[in-house]
């Protein structure tokens, strides 16, 4: 196993990084946070045109035929920039169909998702921390479903949503069909709006291989959130480093104080190893599926927990300005809180990981 990105992967990540460069993206992120825009359509269109939405789609379905490894390194850059785009829900809906759809379903549904013409999302949980397929309680009634799904990312703008159904099954619902209503609610991370979707005898198309794909979809979510968390943690660490090198107190730069040096060093020591965790999680998902659930659970639990601690410490290192609305530190802090909660909290995922090693 090579713990190193190859040249093509490095080039992919660098290109995504250029699209998401801070001087281009932060004004757009700020516009969303300040309520001037619902989401960053301009950046999303650039990412779609580059091919981000086609990465995980097989070549025979108009995609690139790449793996979760390539998708995860893109997620790192998205986490670094906190871009306000519907990436998470869209790619998880795509993965659900790749993993669970019949050949006919893939041929019909994937090209639109790959090209970005159709925007997808994922609806798994019905309550707090009920992300596992065994937790899903919404049962189909013939070809329809009724009930409520919570914490659906960008559900208000999605055209297609993949729904977790009782028994670990997956179904596809078109948002424009009768019996579907969506309510967006206020949450901390304004770059990732989430909503509740109510289904009232809404038509659902069950994915043929849904039960086999359900755990794979959850695992993919954990790996991608790990990558997002690493990217965000490293970015806010850099922000704190840069700030303490210019801010002065008592006639000296903050970076000259031993306590500040030690605090930043502690942050770096915690953050840097999480890159290997998310790389390994994505690698096992793509190449060693029998070990994926264990690896992604550990990666998501550890990486998001580190991100949350790091974001709080780095916000504090900015002093009073770090806690103001005008300064952007709170954007990463809130993203850290989202990454920690969505998909499963660290405590539960650490327990899940133990199930695979006979603890």
Protein backbone atom coordinates (compact mmCIF):
# COMPACT_ATOMS: atom_id res chain seq x y z
CA UNK A 1 0.00 0.00 0.00
CA UNK A 2 1.37 3.44 -0.96
CA UNK A 3 0.43 6.23 1.39
CA UNK A 4 1.07 8.82 -1.26
CA UNK A 5 -1.07 10.46 -3.89
CA UNK A 6 -0.01 9.72 -7.44
CA UNK A 7 0.64 12.47 -9.96
CA UNK A 8 -2.89 12.46 -11.39
CA UNK A 9 -4.42 12.68 -7.91
CA UNK A 10 -2.13 15.53 -6.94
CA UNK A 11 -3.07 17.36 -10.13
CA UNK A 12 -6.77 16.81 -9.45
CA UNK A 13 -6.50 18.17 -5.93
CA UNK A 14 -4.43 21.16 -7.07
CA UNK A 15 -6.98 22.06 -9.75
CA UNK A 16 -9.90 21.85 -7.32
CA UNK A 17 -7.83 23.98 -4.94
CA UNK A 18 -7.44 26.66 -7.60
CA UNK A 19 -11.18 26.73 -8.28
CA UNK A 20 -11.75 27.11 -4.55
CA UNK A 21 -8.99 29.67 -3.94
CA UNK A 22 -9.79 31.86 -0.93
CA UNK A 23 -9.73 35.18 -2.77
CA UNK A 24 -12.41 33.87 -5.15
CA UNK A 25 -14.52 31.86 -2.74
CA UNK A 26 -14.64 33.75 0.54
CA UNK A 27 -16.71 36.70 -0.78
CA UNK A 28 -19.24 34.17 -2.10
CA UNK A 29 -19.27 32.25 1.19
CA UNK A 30 -19.76 35.51 3.05
CA UNK A 31 -22.68 36.42 0.78
CA UNK A 32 -24.39 33.15 1.73
CA UNK A 33 -23.69 33.59 5.44
CA UNK A 34 -25.00 37.15 5.39
CA UNK A 35 -28.23 36.01 3.74
CA UNK A 36 -27.63 37.65 0.37
CA UNK A 37 -27.62 34.28 -1.41
CA UNK A 38 -29.19 30.92 -0.58
CA UNK A 39 -26.15 29.01 -1.85
CA UNK A 40 -23.13 29.50 -4.12
CA UNK A 41 -24.47 28.57 -7.56
CA UNK A 42 -21.50 30.15 -9.36
CA UNK A 43 -18.88 27.99 -7.64
CA UNK A 44 -21.04 24.88 -7.99
CA UNK A 45 -21.32 25.43 -11.73
CA UNK A 46 -17.55 25.77 -12.02
CA UNK A 47 -17.07 22.52 -10.11
CA UNK A 48 -19.66 20.75 -12.25
CA UNK A 49 -18.02 21.97 -15.46
CA UNK A 50 -14.67 20.69 -14.19
CA UNK A 51 -16.24 17.27 -13.62
CA UNK A 52 -16.52 16.99 -9.83
CA UNK A 53 -19.98 15.41 -10.03
CA UNK A 54 -18.77 12.80 -12.55
CA UNK A 55 -15.76 11.52 -10.57
CA UNK A 56 -17.46 8.57 -8.86
CA UNK A 57 -19.79 7.69 -11.76
CA UNK A 58 -18.77 4.70 -13.95
CA UNK A 59 -17.56 5.51 -17.45
CA UNK A 60 -20.45 3.60 -19.06
CA UNK A 61 -22.82 6.03 -17.31
CA UNK A 62 -21.04 9.16 -18.60
CA UNK A 63 -18.70 9.46 -15.63
CA UNK A 64 -14.96 9.35 -15.00
CA UNK A 65 -14.97 5.94 -13.31
CA UNK A 66 -12.68 7.04 -10.48
CA UNK A 67 -12.88 6.03 -6.81
CA UNK A 68 -13.73 7.50 -3.44
CA UNK A 69 -10.03 8.32 -3.01
CA UNK A 70 -10.26 10.98 -5.72
CA UNK A 71 -13.58 12.22 -4.37
CA UNK A 72 -12.17 12.49 -0.85
CA UNK A 73 -9.19 14.64 -1.82
CA UNK A 74 -11.68 16.99 -3.50
CA UNK A 75 -13.73 16.97 -0.29
CA UNK A 76 -10.60 18.06 1.58
CA UNK A 77 -10.39 21.18 -0.59
CA UNK A 78 -14.09 21.87 -0.12
CA UNK A 79 -13.64 21.63 3.64
CA UNK A 80 -10.65 23.92 3.45
CA UNK A 81 -12.67 26.57 1.63
CA UNK A 82 -16.02 25.96 3.41
CA UNK A 83 -17.62 26.39 -0.01
CA UNK A 84 -21.40 26.80 0.22
CA UNK A 85 -22.22 24.18 -2.42
CA UNK A 86 -24.49 21.06 -2.30
CA UNK A 87 -21.60 18.62 -2.68
CA UNK A 88 -22.28 16.28 0.24
CA UNK A 89 -25.88 15.38 -0.51
CA UNK A 90 -25.34 15.21 -4.26
CA UNK A 91 -22.38 12.84 -4.23
CA UNK A 92 -23.96 10.58 -1.60
CA UNK A 93 -27.11 10.28 -3.72
CA UNK A 94 -24.87 9.43 -6.67
CA UNK A 95 -22.95 6.81 -4.67
CA UNK A 96 -26.23 5.25 -3.50
CA UNK A 97 -27.30 4.70 -7.10
CA UNK A 98 -23.83 3.52 -8.19
CA UNK A 99 -23.76 0.98 -5.36
CA UNK A 100 -27.43 0.03 -5.21
CA UNK A 101 -29.02 0.58 -8.59
CA UNK A 102 -29.73 -2.01 -11.25
CA UNK A 103 -28.04 -1.57 -14.61
CA UNK A 104 -31.23 -0.01 -15.95
CA UNK A 105 -31.51 2.35 -12.99
CA UNK A 106 -27.89 3.40 -13.32
CA UNK A 107 -28.24 4.05 -17.05
CA UNK A 108 -31.34 6.17 -16.45
CA UNK A 109 -30.37 8.12 -13.32
CA UNK A 110 -26.60 8.54 -13.28
CA UNK A 111 -25.94 10.58 -16.46
CA UNK A 112 -28.04 13.49 -15.16
CA UNK A 113 -26.29 13.41 -11.79
CA UNK A 114 -22.86 13.15 -13.45
CA UNK A 115 -23.49 16.16 -15.68
CA UNK A 116 -25.02 18.23 -12.88
CA UNK A 117 -28.29 18.63 -14.78
CA UNK A 118 -30.02 16.85 -11.90
CA UNK A 119 -29.21 17.85 -8.32
CA UNK A 120 -29.46 15.06 -5.79
CA UNK A 121 -29.47 14.70 -2.02
CA UNK A 122 -29.67 11.98 0.62
CA UNK A 123 -32.28 11.47 3.37
CA UNK A 124 -31.21 8.89 5.95
CA UNK A 125 -31.96 9.83 9.54
CA UNK A 126 -35.37 10.19 11.17
CA UNK A 127 -34.16 11.41 14.55
CA UNK A 128 -31.04 12.19 16.50
CA UNK A 129 -28.05 10.02 15.60
CA UNK A 130 -30.10 7.41 13.72
CA UNK A 131 -27.78 7.13 10.73
CA UNK A 132 -27.21 3.37 10.57
CA UNK A 133 -29.37 1.32 8.17
CA UNK A 134 -30.66 -0.66 11.17
CA UNK A 135 -32.07 2.61 12.59
CA UNK A 136 -34.29 3.44 9.63
CA UNK A 137 -38.00 2.99 10.35
CA UNK A 138 -39.75 4.45 7.31
CA UNK A 139 -41.54 1.54 5.62
CA UNK A 140 -42.89 1.51 2.06
CA UNK A 141 -46.58 0.97 1.40
CA UNK A 142 -46.54 -0.64 -2.02
CA UNK A 143 -44.84 1.92 -4.23
CA UNK A 144 -45.23 4.86 -1.84
CA UNK A 145 -43.69 6.05 1.42
CA UNK A 146 -44.97 8.23 4.24
CA UNK A 147 -43.13 9.84 7.15
CA UNK A 148 -40.44 12.41 7.87
CA UNK A 149 -36.72 12.44 7.20
CA UNK A 150 -34.49 14.93 8.99
CA UNK A 151 -31.09 16.52 8.41
CA UNK A 152 -31.29 16.38 4.62
CA UNK A 153 -28.48 18.54 3.14
CA UNK A 154 -29.72 21.07 0.56
CA UNK A 155 -33.01 19.22 0.31
CA UNK A 156 -34.81 22.44 -0.59
CA UNK A 157 -32.97 22.69 -3.93
CA UNK A 158 -32.62 18.99 -4.73
CA UNK A 159 -34.56 17.47 -7.61
CA UNK A 160 -33.97 13.87 -6.57
CA UNK A 161 -33.47 12.43 -3.11
CA UNK A 162 -32.32 8.95 -2.10
CA UNK A 163 -34.23 7.82 1.00
CA UNK A 164 -33.18 5.28 3.62
CA UNK A 165 -36.03 2.79 4.14
CA UNK A 166 -36.74 0.14 6.77
CA UNK A 167 -34.69 -2.99 6.36
CA UNK A 168 -31.66 -1.13 5.04
CA UNK A 169 -33.30 -0.49 1.69
CA UNK A 170 -32.83 2.61 -0.46
CA UNK A 171 -35.39 4.35 -2.63
CA UNK A 172 -35.38 7.26 -5.07
CA UNK A 173 -37.99 10.01 -4.80
CA UNK A 174 -38.44 12.91 -7.22
CA UNK A 175 -38.98 16.07 -5.20
CA UNK A 176 -41.41 17.52 -7.75
CA UNK A 177 -43.85 14.62 -7.37
CA UNK A 178 -47.03 14.96 -5.25
CA UNK A 179 -46.79 14.10 -1.57
CA UNK A 180 -43.35 15.63 -0.96
CA UNK A 181 -42.83 18.78 1.09
CA UNK A 182 -39.62 20.29 2.42
CA UNK A 183 -38.98 22.60 5.37
CA UNK A 184 -35.58 24.23 5.78
CA UNK A 185 -34.63 25.01 9.36
CA UNK A 186 -32.01 27.25 10.86
CA UNK A 187 -28.76 25.57 11.78
CA UNK A 188 -25.30 26.67 12.85
CA UNK A 189 -23.44 25.98 9.60
CA UNK A 190 -25.05 28.38 7.15
CA UNK A 191 -22.90 27.03 4.31
CA UNK A 192 -24.76 23.70 4.53
CA UNK A 193 -28.49 24.26 4.96
CA UNK A 194 -30.41 21.19 6.06
CA UNK A 195 -34.09 20.47 6.04
CA UNK A 196 -36.82 18.03 6.98
CA UNK A 197 -38.72 16.29 4.19
CA UNK A 198 -42.24 15.03 4.74
CA UNK A 199 -43.52 12.23 2.54
CA UNK A 200 -47.26 11.68 2.28
CA UNK A 201 -47.82 8.63 0.10
CA UNK A 202 -45.05 9.85 -2.19
CA UNK A 203 -44.00 7.62 -5.07
CA UNK A 204 -40.72 5.82 -4.43
CA UNK A 205 -38.56 3.69 -6.70
CA UNK A 206 -36.64 1.11 -4.69
CA UNK A 207 -33.05 0.56 -5.74
CA UNK A 208 -32.62 -3.06 -6.76
CA UNK A 209 -29.51 -3.68 -4.65
CA UNK A 210 -30.37 -1.21 -1.88
CA UNK A 211 -29.79 -3.49 1.14
CA UNK A 212 -26.27 -4.31 -0.05
CA UNK A 213 -25.55 -0.64 -0.73
CA UNK A 214 -26.94 0.95 2.45
CA UNK A 215 -23.85 0.44 4.61
CA UNK A 216 -21.62 1.48 1.71
CA UNK A 217 -23.44 4.80 1.46
CA UNK A 218 -23.08 5.47 5.19
CA UNK A 219 -19.40 4.51 5.02
CA UNK A 220 -18.85 6.87 2.09
CA UNK A 221 -20.44 9.69 4.06
CA UNK A 222 -18.09 9.09 6.99
CA UNK A 223 -15.02 9.05 4.75
CA UNK A 224 -16.00 12.27 2.96
CA UNK A 225 -16.76 14.08 6.21
CA UNK A 226 -13.34 12.99 7.50
CA UNK A 227 -11.71 14.58 4.47
CA UNK A 228 -13.78 17.74 4.88
CA UNK A 229 -12.77 17.93 8.55
CA UNK A 230 -9.06 17.54 7.81
CA UNK A 231 -9.16 20.29 5.17
CA UNK A 232 -11.01 22.66 7.48
CA UNK A 233 -8.81 21.93 10.49
CA UNK A 234 -5.63 22.60 8.54
CA UNK A 235 -7.00 25.84 7.11
CA UNK A 236 -8.03 27.36 10.43
CA UNK A 237 -4.67 26.31 11.88
CA UNK A 238 -2.95 28.27 9.09
CA UNK A 239 -5.21 31.24 9.81
CA UNK A 240 -4.18 31.22 13.47
CA UNK A 241 -0.50 30.83 12.57
CA UNK A 242 -0.63 33.82 10.22
CA UNK A 243 -2.52 35.97 12.72
CA UNK A 244 -0.13 35.48 15.64
CA UNK A 245 2.78 36.45 13.41
CA UNK A 246 1.36 39.94 12.82
CA UNK A 247 -0.64 40.72 15.97
CA UNK A 248 1.35 42.45 18.70
CA UNK A 249 0.92 42.60 22.46
CA UNK A 250 3.26 44.21 25.00
CA UNK A 251 5.59 45.23 22.18
CA UNK A 252 6.06 41.74 20.74
CA UNK A 253 4.40 39.51 18.17
CA UNK A 254 2.03 36.95 19.69
CA UNK A 255 4.04 34.23 17.96
CA UNK A 256 7.00 35.09 20.21
CA UNK A 257 5.17 34.04 23.38
CA UNK A 258 5.99 30.51 24.48
CA UNK A 259 2.40 29.70 25.44
CA UNK A 260 1.20 30.59 21.93
CA UNK A 261 3.96 28.51 20.33
CA UNK A 262 3.04 25.50 22.44
CA UNK A 263 -0.67 25.84 21.74
CA UNK A 264 -0.12 25.98 17.98
CA UNK A 265 2.33 23.10 18.12
CA UNK A 266 -0.23 21.01 20.00
CA UNK A 267 -2.84 21.77 17.35
CA UNK A 268 -0.53 20.75 14.50
CA UNK A 269 0.43 17.51 16.26
CA UNK A 270 -3.26 16.61 16.54
CA UNK A 271 -4.32 17.66 13.02
CA UNK A 272 -1.53 16.32 10.81
CA UNK A 273 -2.06 12.57 11.53
CA UNK A 274 -5.73 12.81 10.58
CA UNK A 275 -4.74 13.16 6.93
CA UNK A 276 -3.51 9.57 6.98
CA UNK A 277 -6.72 8.49 8.69
CA UNK A 278 -8.97 9.87 5.97
CA UNK A 279 -6.67 8.65 3.18
CA UNK A 280 -6.77 5.13 4.63
CA UNK A 281 -10.54 5.34 5.08
CA UNK A 282 -11.03 6.25 1.42
CA UNK A 283 -8.50 3.62 0.36
CA UNK A 284 -10.22 0.80 2.24
CA UNK A 285 -13.59 1.87 0.83
CA UNK A 286 -12.21 1.66 -2.71
CA UNK A 287 -9.77 -1.26 -2.42
CA UNK A 288 -10.45 -3.21 0.81
CA UNK A 289 -14.22 -3.10 1.39
CA UNK A 290 -14.11 -5.75 4.11
CA UNK A 291 -12.15 -3.28 6.29
CA UNK A 292 -13.94 -0.11 5.24
CA UNK A 293 -16.58 0.17 7.98
CA UNK A 294 -13.93 -0.08 10.69
CA UNK A 295 -11.58 2.40 9.02
CA UNK A 296 -14.18 5.03 8.14
CA UNK A 297 -15.73 4.92 11.62
CA UNK A 298 -12.39 5.58 13.27
CA UNK A 299 -11.46 8.26 10.74
CA UNK A 300 -14.69 10.19 11.05
CA UNK A 301 -14.79 9.98 14.83
CA UNK A 302 -11.18 11.05 15.35
CA UNK A 303 -10.89 13.62 12.56
CA UNK A 304 -14.08 15.51 13.38
CA UNK A 305 -13.33 15.48 17.10
CA UNK A 306 -9.89 16.93 16.39
CA UNK A 307 -11.42 19.51 14.03
CA UNK A 308 -13.85 20.67 16.70
CA UNK A 309 -11.11 21.07 19.33
CA UNK A 310 -8.74 22.70 16.82
CA UNK A 311 -11.35 25.19 15.58
CA UNK A 312 -12.12 26.29 19.13
CA UNK A 313 -8.45 26.70 20.07
CA UNK A 314 -7.60 28.59 16.88
CA UNK A 315 -10.59 30.88 17.32
CA UNK A 316 -9.33 31.67 20.82
CA UNK A 317 -5.85 32.41 19.43
CA UNK A 318 -7.39 35.23 17.41
CA UNK A 319 -8.47 36.92 20.63
CA UNK A 320 -11.63 39.04 20.69
CA UNK A 321 -11.76 39.45 16.90
CA UNK A 322 -12.07 35.69 16.50
CA UNK A 323 -15.51 35.77 18.11
CA UNK A 324 -16.96 38.50 15.91
CA UNK A 325 -19.39 37.97 13.02
CA UNK A 326 -17.20 40.04 10.69
CA UNK A 327 -14.18 37.75 11.10
CA UNK A 328 -14.43 34.35 9.39
CA UNK A 329 -13.16 32.04 12.14
CA UNK A 330 -16.71 31.16 13.15
CA UNK A 331 -17.35 29.77 9.65
CA UNK A 332 -14.83 26.97 10.23
CA UNK A 333 -15.93 26.47 13.84
CA UNK A 334 -19.52 25.92 12.74
CA UNK A 335 -18.43 23.60 9.93
CA UNK A 336 -16.51 21.60 12.53
CA UNK A 337 -19.67 21.24 14.60
CA UNK A 338 -21.62 20.10 11.53
CA UNK A 339 -18.97 17.54 10.57
CA UNK A 340 -18.94 16.18 14.12
CA UNK A 341 -22.70 15.66 14.28
CA UNK A 342 -23.79 14.73 10.75
CA UNK A 343 -23.44 11.05 9.92
CA UNK A 344 -22.90 9.99 13.54
CA UNK A 345 -21.24 11.47 16.59
CA UNK A 346 -17.72 10.33 17.59
CA UNK A 347 -18.84 8.33 20.63
CA UNK A 348 -21.14 6.15 18.56
CA UNK A 349 -18.61 5.69 15.77
CA UNK A 350 -15.85 4.65 18.16
CA UNK A 351 -18.25 2.03 19.52
CA UNK A 352 -19.10 0.94 15.98
CA UNK A 353 -15.40 0.50 15.23
CA UNK A 354 -15.01 -1.84 18.20
CA UNK A 355 -17.64 -4.17 16.73
CA UNK A 356 -15.25 -5.06 13.92
CA UNK A 357 -12.31 -6.00 16.13
CA UNK A 358 -14.07 -8.14 18.77
CA UNK A 359 -13.61 -5.76 21.67
